[in-house]
Amino acid sequence: MTNAPEHFSLDDELEATDTWDDSWESGYADAEDPESDPTVGAMELAERHQLRRVASLRTELEDITEVEYRQLRLERVVLVGVWTQGSVQDAENSLAELALLAETAGSEVLEALYQRRTSPDPATYIGRGKVEAVAEIVRATGADTVVCDGELAPSQLRNLEDRLKVKVVDRTALILDIFAQHAKSKEGQAQVELAQLQYMKQRLRGWGGNLSRQAGGRVAAGAGIGGRGPGETKIETDRRRINTKIAKLNRELKQMKVTRDAKRSQRRSRAVPSVAIAGYTNAGKSSLLNRLTSAGVLVEDALFATLDPTTRRTRTADGREYTMSDTVGFVRHLPHQLVEAFRSTLEEVADADLLLHVVDGSHPDPEGQLTAVREVLADIGATEVPELVVINKADAADPLVLSRLRAREPHSVVVSARTGEGIAAALAQVEGELPRPAVAFDVLLPYERGDLLDRLHKTGEIDTLEHTAEGTRVVGRAGEALAGELAGYAVAGA
């Protein structure tokens, strides 16, 4: 993660102990009057008045040479979450995922804390007293960044930075930062930049003299007559420049979308079925694509390793062609800006004939992964696409968890992309669920029309094939467009 000033200004870059002392829990209760707090009575007061530490998430290294090396490169962060619903395990799973996100962005996690509330505090995300507790932890650990497990309002972000005296980053900014690091294609980089600008636009902040560039009176630097008037404040200038850049990126992405749509329509006109692989980040989608198609795409044990979609052409056992596409991974609370920016890419999923929904069977909360992905699929209008759930990482998963998932998702297969277990069964299932040609034909093709026979092998289904003196007699089924071309060669009386 790159460093940022206290808040966003377009001229500035985005910068921004292993033991938990029980005295922090007792000494930093909320400063507000409990009687006036509307959340009192909704849960135990004692639970509200404590921050809970999540054990085993500290990633600081012990080897002195490694520490010295990483201190030059990595931010030292404290994670803070607010637990509003679900179980304690849900809250700790969410922070564990946030820790992985922070490490992927290039950070060293020092502490992970969460507080139970019915809803985040509107002013500071956590209560006023908890801000002081977190400030004490920041000072004790030497952290330079606080990462909050949620999307902060601009006022919450400003209040926390003012009181903690370090950079504060929310979950959305963290994910955007990871996307910015991993985007490789021109389209992917434009999509990420668009999402970042949309996020920054709402969080611009002026400081001191930078707030205003209004001129008046005896104007300095020789502006004089014609230079007086309301002018334009610094924040207005920044917002205008952001809007200009957003408009430019939208135009570029629209042009790229034309190219992508042209390729997609070409595949549709040739009646080539398409399969899209979607799922939670790091669930093994790229590994599965490699197993199924020998695609040779990047496989990395990291969050959001794949941002640029990959499409490969492959064949069924009986010779029919179809395409298989790898897509960007999803995550809980995927920022709305990213969903909008990547909408053209995610249309690969919405337009597919079959969706392979990959879930990590070894994850602590695979059901949560399924739910999070389906929420995003609903956002992009892909809920009507036939879905086959692929439970991956069977070699590392608990058999009881696999049985539970199979019971919950009866239309599923269990595989291990790493070892190859279950891949043959998954491939057979995919081929069996691909759309089949609907128009029956019985034709006699002249030998000079070998091009039609080749297309039948690729996109149609051939029941019988016989070479005769007059030509090749073929009986089977084809798509409407190809069946129309074959109509002139139909066998009389068939």
Protein backbone atom coordinates (compact mmCIF):
# COMPACT_ATOMS: atom_id res chain seq x y z
CA MET A 1 0.00 0.00 0.00
CA THR A 2 1.29 3.46 -0.81
CA ASN A 3 1.46 6.23 1.74
CA ALA A 4 -1.13 9.04 1.73
CA PRO A 5 -1.61 12.35 3.50
CA GLU A 6 -4.31 12.79 6.06
CA HIS A 7 -6.83 12.93 3.28
CA PHE A 8 -7.31 13.05 -0.41
CA SER A 9 -6.12 15.98 -2.46
CA LEU A 10 -5.49 15.46 -6.12
CA ASP A 11 -2.05 17.08 -5.94
CA ASP A 12 -0.93 14.68 -3.24
CA GLU A 13 -0.29 10.97 -3.42
CA LEU A 14 -2.40 8.53 -1.45
CA GLU A 15 -0.34 8.00 1.69
CA ALA A 16 -1.60 8.26 4.11
CA THR A 17 2.49 -5.88 21.37
CA ASP A 18 1.79 -9.46 21.24
CA THR A 19 0.01 -9.10 24.61
CA TRP A 20 -3.28 -7.32 25.27
CA ASP A 21 -3.28 -5.40 28.54
CA ASP A 22 -6.54 -5.89 30.41
CA SER A 23 -6.20 -2.35 31.72
CA TRP A 24 -6.97 -1.09 28.20
CA GLU A 25 -10.32 -2.87 28.34
CA SER A 26 -11.23 -1.39 31.71
CA GLY A 27 -9.54 1.99 31.38
CA TYR A 28 -10.99 3.10 28.07
CA ALA A 29 -14.73 2.65 28.37
CA ASP A 30 -16.81 4.91 26.18
CA ALA A 31 -16.78 8.49 27.39
CA GLU A 32 -20.43 8.95 26.42
CA ASP A 33 -23.16 8.75 29.06
CA PRO A 34 -24.58 5.17 28.82
CA GLU A 35 -28.04 6.53 29.58
CA SER A 36 -28.03 8.61 26.38
CA ASP A 37 -26.60 5.91 24.13
CA PRO A 38 -29.41 4.34 22.06
CA THR A 39 -27.49 1.06 21.76
CA VAL A 40 -27.60 0.46 25.52
CA GLY A 41 -30.19 -2.18 26.32
CA ALA A 42 -29.84 -3.85 22.92
CA MET A 43 -26.93 -5.92 24.24
CA GLU A 44 -24.90 -6.37 27.37
CA LEU A 45 -23.20 -3.15 28.45
CA ALA A 46 -20.04 -5.05 29.32
CA GLU A 47 -19.75 -6.31 25.75
CA ARG A 48 -20.00 -2.79 24.37
CA HIS A 49 -17.37 -1.48 26.73
CA GLN A 50 -14.57 -3.69 25.56
CA LEU A 51 -12.42 -4.16 22.50
CA ARG A 52 -11.72 -7.77 21.71
CA ARG A 53 -8.39 -8.89 20.39
CA VAL A 54 -8.26 -11.50 17.62
CA ALA A 55 -5.38 -13.84 18.40
CA SER A 56 -2.86 -15.18 15.88
CA LEU A 57 -3.25 -12.45 13.26
CA ARG A 58 -0.01 -10.61 14.05
CA THR A 59 2.40 -11.02 11.13
CA GLU A 60 5.48 -9.23 12.48
CA LEU A 61 8.61 -11.29 11.83
CA GLU A 62 11.12 -12.16 14.52
CA ASP A 63 14.29 -12.54 12.46
CA ILE A 64 16.09 -9.23 12.86
CA THR A 65 17.40 -9.04 9.29
CA GLU A 66 13.94 -9.71 7.89
CA VAL A 67 12.43 -7.14 10.24
CA GLU A 68 14.90 -4.51 9.13
CA TYR A 69 14.20 -5.35 5.51
CA ARG A 70 10.42 -5.28 5.84
CA GLN A 71 10.42 -2.06 7.86
CA LEU A 72 11.81 -0.33 4.79
CA ARG A 73 9.02 -1.67 2.60
CA LEU A 74 5.91 -2.48 4.58
CA GLU A 75 3.38 -0.40 6.45
CA ARG A 76 2.68 -1.44 10.02
CA VAL A 77 -1.06 -1.65 10.47
CA VAL A 78 -3.66 -2.19 13.18
CA LEU A 79 -6.97 -3.71 12.10
CA VAL A 80 -10.21 -2.48 13.66
CA GLY A 81 -13.65 -3.97 13.11
CA VAL A 82 -17.19 -3.47 14.38
CA TRP A 83 -19.22 -6.63 14.98
CA THR A 84 -22.91 -5.88 14.44
CA GLN A 85 -24.42 -9.27 13.64
CA GLY A 86 -23.61 -12.97 13.41
CA SER A 87 -21.42 -15.02 15.70
CA VAL A 88 -18.02 -14.28 17.20
CA GLN A 89 -16.56 -16.68 14.63
CA ASP A 90 -18.06 -14.59 11.83
CA ALA A 91 -16.43 -11.44 13.24
CA GLU A 92 -13.03 -13.12 13.55
CA ASN A 93 -13.29 -14.64 10.05
CA SER A 94 -13.97 -11.18 8.66
CA LEU A 95 -10.91 -9.73 10.39
CA ALA A 96 -8.80 -12.71 9.29
CA GLU A 97 -9.78 -11.93 5.71
CA LEU A 98 -8.97 -8.25 6.28
CA ALA A 99 -5.52 -9.31 7.53
CA LEU A 100 -4.95 -11.26 4.29
CA LEU A 101 -6.06 -8.24 2.28
CA ALA A 102 -3.68 -5.99 4.22
CA GLU A 103 -0.77 -8.39 3.68
CA THR A 104 -1.59 -8.68 -0.03
CA ALA A 105 -1.44 -4.88 -0.25
CA GLY A 106 2.02 -4.94 1.34
CA SER A 107 1.45 -4.44 5.06
CA GLU A 108 2.52 -6.01 8.33
CA VAL A 109 -0.38 -6.65 10.70
CA LEU A 110 0.47 -5.81 14.31
CA GLU A 111 -2.91 -6.06 16.04
CA ALA A 112 -6.50 -6.96 15.13
CA LEU A 113 -9.33 -5.68 17.32
CA TYR A 114 -13.10 -5.52 17.08
CA GLN A 115 -15.93 -4.07 19.11
CA ARG A 116 -19.52 -5.24 19.40
CA ARG A 117 -22.17 -2.64 18.59
CA THR A 118 -25.62 -2.67 17.06
CA SER A 119 -24.29 -0.31 14.38
CA PRO A 120 -21.03 1.58 13.72
CA ASP A 121 -20.69 4.93 15.48
CA PRO A 122 -21.73 7.64 12.96
CA ALA A 123 -18.91 9.97 14.03
CA THR A 124 -15.91 7.68 14.58
CA TYR A 125 -16.97 4.16 13.46
CA ILE A 126 -16.10 2.91 16.96
CA GLY A 127 -17.13 4.71 20.16
CA ARG A 128 -15.31 7.81 21.35
CA GLY A 129 -13.67 5.93 24.21
CA LYS A 130 -12.57 3.15 21.87
CA VAL A 131 -10.80 5.68 19.68
CA GLU A 132 -8.59 6.54 22.66
CA ALA A 133 -7.94 2.84 23.25
CA VAL A 134 -6.93 2.32 19.63
CA ALA A 135 -4.73 5.45 19.77
CA GLU A 136 -2.93 3.93 22.77
CA ILE A 137 -2.38 0.69 20.84
CA VAL A 138 -1.09 2.61 17.82
CA ARG A 139 1.44 4.42 20.01
CA ALA A 140 2.49 1.22 21.79
CA THR A 141 3.01 -0.82 18.62
CA GLY A 142 4.46 1.93 16.44
CA ALA A 143 1.79 1.41 13.78
CA ASP A 144 1.53 3.98 10.99
CA THR A 145 -1.85 2.93 9.57
CA VAL A 146 -5.23 1.84 10.91
CA VAL A 147 -7.40 -0.30 8.61
CA CYS A 148 -11.14 -0.43 9.36
CA ASP A 149 -13.22 -3.44 8.34
CA GLY A 150 -15.96 -1.50 6.58
CA GLU A 151 -16.52 1.47 4.29
CA LEU A 152 -16.10 4.70 6.23
CA ALA A 153 -18.03 7.86 5.55
CA PRO A 154 -15.80 10.87 4.78
CA SER A 155 -16.60 12.38 8.20
CA GLN A 156 -15.69 9.14 10.00
CA LEU A 157 -12.41 8.95 8.11
CA ARG A 158 -11.57 12.57 8.95
CA ASN A 159 -12.48 12.23 12.64
CA LEU A 160 -10.44 9.06 13.07
CA GLU A 161 -7.37 10.56 11.39
CA ASP A 162 -7.65 13.70 13.50
CA ARG A 163 -7.76 11.68 16.74
CA LEU A 164 -5.42 8.78 15.94
CA LYS A 165 -2.78 10.99 14.24
CA VAL A 166 -2.01 8.24 11.70
CA LYS A 167 -3.38 7.35 8.29
CA VAL A 168 -6.77 5.59 8.35
CA VAL A 169 -7.82 3.33 5.47
CA ASP A 170 -11.15 1.56 5.07
CA ARG A 171 -11.83 -1.81 3.47
CA THR A 172 -12.84 -0.25 0.16
CA ALA A 173 -9.62 1.75 -0.23
CA LEU A 174 -7.61 -1.36 0.69
CA ILE A 175 -9.25 -3.48 -2.01
CA LEU A 176 -8.86 -0.68 -4.55
CA ASP A 177 -5.16 -0.50 -3.70
CA ILE A 178 -4.75 -4.26 -4.29
CA PHE A 179 -6.55 -4.01 -7.62
CA ALA A 180 -4.29 -1.13 -8.64
CA GLN A 181 -1.21 -3.27 -7.92
CA HIS A 182 -2.47 -6.33 -9.81
CA ALA A 183 -4.13 -4.86 -12.92
CA LYS A 184 -1.95 -5.59 -15.95
CA SER A 185 -4.04 -5.01 -19.07
CA LYS A 186 -4.93 -1.54 -20.33
CA GLU A 187 -8.62 -2.21 -19.72
CA GLY A 188 -8.01 -3.52 -16.20
CA GLN A 189 -5.89 -0.50 -15.27
CA ALA A 190 -8.52 1.89 -16.64
CA GLN A 191 -11.27 0.10 -14.69
CA VAL A 192 -9.32 0.30 -11.44
CA GLU A 193 -8.41 3.96 -11.96
CA LEU A 194 -12.07 4.78 -12.62
CA ALA A 195 -13.13 3.06 -9.38
CA GLN A 196 -10.41 4.89 -7.41
CA LEU A 197 -11.43 8.29 -8.78
CA GLN A 198 -15.09 7.66 -7.98
CA TYR A 199 -14.08 6.75 -4.44
CA MET A 200 -11.76 9.77 -4.04
CA LYS A 201 -14.28 12.22 -5.44
CA GLN A 202 -16.45 11.95 -2.34
CA ARG A 203 -13.49 12.25 0.02
CA LEU A 204 -11.65 15.35 -1.16
CA ARG A 205 -10.47 17.55 1.66
CA GLY A 206 -8.85 20.97 1.72
CA TRP A 207 -6.22 22.08 4.21
CA GLY A 208 -5.52 25.62 5.42
CA GLY A 209 -4.36 27.90 2.65
CA ASN A 210 -4.92 25.20 0.08
CA LEU A 211 -8.65 25.40 0.70
CA SER A 212 -9.14 28.58 -1.30
CA ARG A 213 -7.57 30.14 -4.34
CA GLN A 214 -9.88 33.13 -4.44
CA ALA A 215 -8.37 36.42 -5.43
CA GLY A 216 -9.34 39.93 -4.34
CA GLY A 217 -8.05 43.39 -3.37
CA ARG A 218 -4.45 44.05 -4.35
CA VAL A 219 -3.77 40.70 -5.96
CA ALA A 220 -0.24 39.37 -5.73
CA ALA A 221 1.87 38.09 -8.60
CA GLY A 222 0.61 40.78 -10.93
CA ALA A 223 -2.89 39.38 -11.40
CA GLY A 224 -4.48 42.83 -10.88
CA ILE A 225 -7.44 43.83 -13.05
CA GLY A 226 -9.28 40.79 -14.34
CA GLY A 227 -7.79 38.58 -11.68
CA ARG A 228 -10.25 39.47 -8.92
CA GLY A 229 -13.47 37.66 -8.23
CA PRO A 230 -14.78 34.48 -6.67
CA GLY A 231 -12.25 32.29 -8.46
CA GLU A 232 -12.23 28.57 -7.83
CA THR A 233 -11.40 26.91 -4.54
CA LYS A 234 -8.73 24.23 -4.43
CA ILE A 235 -11.29 21.54 -3.66
CA GLU A 236 -13.46 22.67 -6.59
CA THR A 237 -10.44 22.50 -8.88
CA ASP A 238 -9.64 18.98 -7.70
CA ARG A 239 -13.24 17.85 -8.17
CA ARG A 240 -13.36 19.32 -11.68
CA ARG A 241 -10.13 17.58 -12.64
CA ILE A 242 -11.43 14.28 -11.27
CA ASN A 243 -14.69 14.64 -13.22
CA THR A 244 -12.71 15.34 -16.39
CA LYS A 245 -10.58 12.24 -15.86
CA ILE A 246 -13.64 10.08 -15.08
CA ALA A 247 -15.29 11.20 -18.32
CA LYS A 248 -12.11 10.37 -20.27
CA LEU A 249 -11.85 6.89 -18.70
CA ASN A 250 -15.53 6.20 -19.42
CA ARG A 251 -14.97 7.04 -23.08
CA GLU A 252 -11.93 4.74 -23.26
CA LEU A 253 -13.74 1.87 -21.54
CA LYS A 254 -16.70 2.31 -23.88
CA GLN A 255 -14.38 1.87 -26.86
CA MET A 256 -12.81 -1.24 -25.29
CA LYS A 257 -16.28 -2.62 -24.62
CA VAL A 258 -17.07 -2.39 -28.34
CA THR A 259 -14.12 -4.68 -29.10
CA ARG A 260 -15.11 -7.14 -26.37
CA ASP A 261 -18.74 -7.18 -27.53
CA ALA A 262 -17.64 -7.80 -31.13
CA LYS A 263 -15.66 -10.89 -30.09
CA ARG A 264 -18.57 -12.11 -27.98
CA SER A 265 -21.11 -11.64 -30.80
CA GLN A 266 -18.78 -13.46 -33.19
CA ARG A 267 -18.73 -16.46 -30.85
CA ARG A 268 -22.52 -16.31 -30.54
CA SER A 269 -23.00 -16.15 -34.32
CA ARG A 270 -20.91 -19.29 -34.63
CA ALA A 271 -23.05 -20.93 -31.91
CA VAL A 272 -20.02 -21.56 -29.69
CA PRO A 273 -21.27 -22.27 -26.13
CA SER A 274 -19.53 -20.39 -23.33
CA VAL A 275 -18.68 -21.39 -19.77
CA ALA A 276 -17.69 -18.77 -17.17
CA ILE A 277 -15.71 -19.56 -14.03
CA ALA A 278 -16.64 -17.29 -11.12
CA GLY A 279 -16.14 -17.44 -7.39
CA TYR A 280 -14.49 -16.01 -4.31
CA THR A 281 -10.97 -14.66 -4.59
CA ASN A 282 -8.26 -17.32 -4.12
CA ALA A 283 -10.81 -20.15 -4.44
CA GLY A 284 -8.71 -21.73 -7.22
CA LYS A 285 -10.49 -20.49 -10.37
CA SER A 286 -7.33 -20.06 -12.45
CA SER A 287 -6.00 -23.46 -11.33
CA LEU A 288 -9.29 -25.04 -12.37
CA LEU A 289 -9.13 -23.31 -15.78
CA ASN A 290 -5.62 -24.68 -16.28
CA ARG A 291 -6.78 -28.19 -15.35
CA LEU A 292 -9.79 -28.10 -17.63
CA THR A 293 -8.22 -26.43 -20.67
CA SER A 294 -4.40 -26.42 -20.21
CA ALA A 295 -4.65 -22.63 -20.40
CA GLY A 296 -1.34 -21.89 -18.66
CA VAL A 297 -2.62 -18.76 -16.88
CA LEU A 298 -1.02 -17.29 -13.76
CA VAL A 299 -1.73 -19.26 -10.59
CA GLU A 300 -0.76 -17.64 -7.30
CA ASP A 301 -1.80 -18.23 -3.69
CA ALA A 302 -2.84 -14.61 -3.25
CA LEU A 303 -6.00 -12.54 -3.16
CA PHE A 304 -7.02 -11.01 -6.50
CA ALA A 305 -4.13 -12.60 -8.43
CA THR A 306 -6.41 -12.58 -11.51
CA LEU A 307 -7.95 -9.27 -12.57
CA ASP A 308 -7.75 -9.57 -16.35
CA PRO A 309 -10.20 -12.18 -17.68
CA THR A 310 -8.84 -15.07 -19.73
CA THR A 311 -10.87 -16.96 -22.35
CA ARG A 312 -9.74 -20.28 -23.80
CA ARG A 313 -11.32 -22.39 -26.54
CA THR A 314 -11.60 -26.10 -25.84
CA ARG A 315 -13.54 -29.17 -27.05
CA THR A 316 -15.87 -31.74 -25.59
CA ALA A 317 -15.08 -35.43 -25.81
CA ASP A 318 -17.28 -35.69 -28.94
CA GLY A 319 -15.51 -32.77 -30.64
CA ARG A 320 -17.87 -29.82 -30.01
CA GLU A 321 -16.13 -26.48 -29.43
CA TYR A 322 -16.88 -24.23 -26.44
CA THR A 323 -15.12 -21.42 -24.59
CA MET A 324 -14.19 -21.23 -20.92
CA SER A 325 -13.48 -17.87 -19.25
CA ASP A 326 -11.71 -17.08 -15.98
CA THR A 327 -13.02 -13.93 -14.26
CA VAL A 328 -12.01 -11.59 -11.45
CA GLY A 329 -12.55 -12.98 -7.95
CA PHE A 330 -15.18 -11.63 -5.59
CA VAL A 331 -14.98 -10.86 -1.89
CA ARG A 332 -17.33 -9.90 0.92
CA HIS A 333 -18.51 -6.30 0.59
CA LEU A 334 -16.89 -5.89 -2.83
CA PRO A 335 -16.84 -2.10 -3.36
CA HIS A 336 -19.73 -0.87 -5.47
CA GLN A 337 -17.30 1.28 -7.47
CA LEU A 338 -15.43 -1.86 -8.56
CA VAL A 339 -18.59 -3.71 -9.56
CA GLU A 340 -19.59 -0.74 -11.74
CA ALA A 341 -16.10 -0.26 -13.21
CA PHE A 342 -15.71 -3.99 -14.01
CA ARG A 343 -19.26 -4.37 -15.28
CA SER A 344 -18.19 -4.81 -18.92
CA THR A 345 -15.77 -7.56 -17.87
CA LEU A 346 -18.31 -9.24 -15.62
CA GLU A 347 -20.77 -9.37 -18.51
CA GLU A 348 -18.81 -12.46 -19.58
CA VAL A 349 -20.54 -14.17 -16.64
CA ALA A 350 -24.02 -12.79 -17.37
CA ASP A 351 -23.82 -13.86 -21.04
CA ALA A 352 -22.47 -17.36 -20.36
CA ASP A 353 -24.39 -20.55 -21.09
CA LEU A 354 -23.09 -22.20 -17.91
CA LEU A 355 -21.55 -20.78 -14.72
CA LEU A 356 -18.95 -22.74 -12.77
CA HIS A 357 -19.20 -21.30 -9.25
CA VAL A 358 -15.94 -22.24 -7.53
CA VAL A 359 -15.87 -22.34 -3.71
CA ASP A 360 -12.90 -23.11 -1.45
CA GLY A 361 -13.86 -26.23 0.52
CA SER A 362 -10.98 -25.67 2.96
CA HIS A 363 -12.05 -22.13 3.88
CA PRO A 364 -13.39 -21.56 7.44
CA ASP A 365 -16.66 -20.18 6.02
CA PRO A 366 -17.40 -21.61 2.54
CA GLU A 367 -21.13 -20.88 2.89
CA GLY A 368 -20.26 -17.21 3.41
CA GLN A 369 -18.24 -17.31 0.18
CA LEU A 370 -21.19 -18.72 -1.73
CA THR A 371 -23.50 -16.02 -0.39
CA ALA A 372 -21.05 -13.16 -1.13
CA VAL A 373 -20.52 -14.29 -4.72
CA ARG A 374 -24.24 -14.69 -5.38
CA GLU A 375 -24.86 -11.16 -4.14
CA VAL A 376 -22.47 -9.80 -6.78
CA LEU A 377 -23.97 -12.08 -9.45
CA ALA A 378 -27.37 -10.58 -8.61
CA ASP A 379 -25.90 -7.08 -9.06
CA ILE A 380 -24.74 -7.87 -12.60
CA GLY A 381 -27.91 -9.72 -13.62
CA ALA A 382 -26.39 -13.20 -13.80
CA THR A 383 -28.82 -15.05 -11.55
CA GLU A 384 -30.58 -16.73 -14.50
CA VAL A 385 -27.41 -18.42 -15.79
CA PRO A 386 -27.39 -22.20 -15.05
CA GLU A 387 -24.96 -22.77 -12.18
CA LEU A 388 -22.74 -25.73 -11.28
CA VAL A 389 -21.03 -25.38 -7.88
CA VAL A 390 -17.44 -26.67 -7.94
CA ILE A 391 -16.13 -27.36 -4.42
CA ASN A 392 -12.37 -27.01 -4.82
CA LYS A 393 -9.35 -27.89 -2.64
CA ALA A 394 -10.80 -31.25 -1.64
CA ASP A 395 -7.28 -32.42 -0.73
CA ALA A 396 -7.12 -29.83 2.08
CA ALA A 397 -10.79 -29.74 3.14
CA ASP A 398 -12.45 -31.48 6.08
CA PRO A 399 -14.59 -34.39 4.78
CA LEU A 400 -17.40 -33.31 7.12
CA VAL A 401 -17.37 -29.83 5.56
CA LEU A 402 -17.47 -31.35 2.07
CA SER A 403 -20.47 -33.49 3.06
CA ARG A 404 -22.21 -30.43 4.49
CA LEU A 405 -21.62 -28.45 1.30
CA ARG A 406 -22.82 -31.31 -0.92
CA ALA A 407 -26.01 -31.51 1.15
CA ARG A 408 -26.55 -27.74 0.86
CA GLU A 409 -25.64 -27.63 -2.85
CA PRO A 410 -26.90 -30.85 -4.44
CA HIS A 411 -25.95 -29.61 -7.92
CA SER A 412 -22.23 -29.66 -7.23
CA VAL A 413 -19.00 -31.56 -7.83
CA VAL A 414 -15.96 -31.95 -5.55
CA VAL A 415 -12.51 -31.48 -7.09
CA SER A 416 -8.91 -30.66 -6.29
CA ALA A 417 -7.34 -28.52 -8.98
CA ARG A 418 -3.95 -29.13 -7.38
CA THR A 419 -4.02 -32.95 -7.43
CA GLY A 420 -6.51 -33.51 -10.27
CA GLU A 421 -9.02 -35.33 -8.07
CA GLY A 422 -12.54 -35.16 -9.50
CA ILE A 423 -11.50 -33.17 -12.61
CA ALA A 424 -12.68 -35.85 -15.06
CA ALA A 425 -16.10 -36.01 -13.38
CA ALA A 426 -16.37 -32.20 -13.37
CA LEU A 427 -15.48 -32.05 -17.07
CA ALA A 428 -18.10 -34.69 -17.91
CA GLN A 429 -20.67 -32.73 -15.92
CA VAL A 430 -19.80 -29.51 -17.77
CA GLU A 431 -20.04 -31.19 -21.17
CA GLY A 432 -23.37 -32.74 -20.22
CA GLU A 433 -24.84 -29.36 -19.27
CA LEU A 434 -23.68 -27.36 -22.27
CA PRO A 435 -26.57 -26.27 -24.52
CA ARG A 436 -27.16 -28.73 -27.34
CA PRO A 437 -28.10 -27.89 -30.96
CA ALA A 438 -31.87 -28.00 -31.39
CA VAL A 439 -32.53 -28.34 -35.16
CA ALA A 440 -32.44 -31.88 -36.59
CA PHE A 441 -31.07 -32.41 -40.12
CA ASP A 442 -30.46 -35.19 -42.64
CA VAL A 443 -28.27 -33.92 -45.46
CA LEU A 444 -26.07 -35.13 -48.30
CA LEU A 445 -23.06 -32.83 -48.51
CA PRO A 446 -20.98 -32.66 -51.70
CA TYR A 447 -17.33 -33.39 -51.09
CA GLU A 448 -16.42 -29.81 -52.06
CA ARG A 449 -18.39 -28.55 -49.01
CA GLY A 450 -15.93 -29.88 -46.49
CA ASP A 451 -16.19 -26.51 -44.71
CA LEU A 452 -19.78 -27.31 -43.66
CA LEU A 453 -18.75 -30.76 -42.44
CA ASP A 454 -15.95 -29.20 -40.41
CA ARG A 455 -18.39 -26.75 -38.77
CA LEU A 456 -20.75 -29.63 -37.99
CA HIS A 457 -17.94 -31.42 -36.18
CA LYS A 458 -17.15 -28.26 -34.18
CA THR A 459 -20.57 -26.89 -33.28
CA GLY A 460 -23.15 -29.56 -34.14
CA GLU A 461 -23.95 -33.08 -33.02
CA ILE A 462 -23.51 -35.89 -35.54
CA ASP A 463 -25.50 -39.07 -35.04
CA THR A 464 -24.47 -40.90 -38.23
CA LEU A 465 -21.96 -40.13 -40.97
CA GLU A 466 -21.63 -42.12 -44.20
CA HIS A 467 -19.43 -41.47 -47.24
CA THR A 468 -21.20 -42.28 -50.52
CA ALA A 469 -20.44 -41.80 -54.19
CA GLU A 470 -22.56 -38.63 -54.31
CA GLY A 471 -21.17 -37.09 -51.10
CA THR A 472 -21.26 -37.38 -47.32
CA ARG A 473 -24.60 -38.34 -45.73
CA VAL A 474 -24.85 -36.74 -42.28
CA VAL A 475 -27.67 -37.02 -39.73
CA GLY A 476 -27.69 -35.02 -36.50
CA ARG A 477 -28.57 -31.66 -34.94
CA ALA A 478 -27.23 -28.15 -35.46
CA GLY A 479 -27.88 -24.57 -34.44
CA GLU A 480 -30.42 -22.51 -36.33
CA ALA A 481 -27.89 -20.55 -38.39
CA LEU A 482 -25.95 -23.63 -39.52
CA ALA A 483 -29.15 -25.64 -40.09
CA GLY A 484 -30.30 -22.87 -42.47
CA GLU A 485 -27.13 -23.28 -44.54
CA LEU A 486 -27.61 -27.05 -44.59
CA ALA A 487 -31.24 -26.83 -45.78
CA GLY A 488 -30.20 -26.76 -49.45
CA TYR A 489 -28.59 -30.18 -49.09
CA ALA A 490 -31.46 -31.92 -47.26
CA VAL A 491 -32.16 -35.50 -48.35
CA ALA A 492 -35.53 -35.73 -50.08
CA GLY A 493 -38.15 -37.61 -48.09
CA ALA A 494 -36.00 -37.67 -44.93
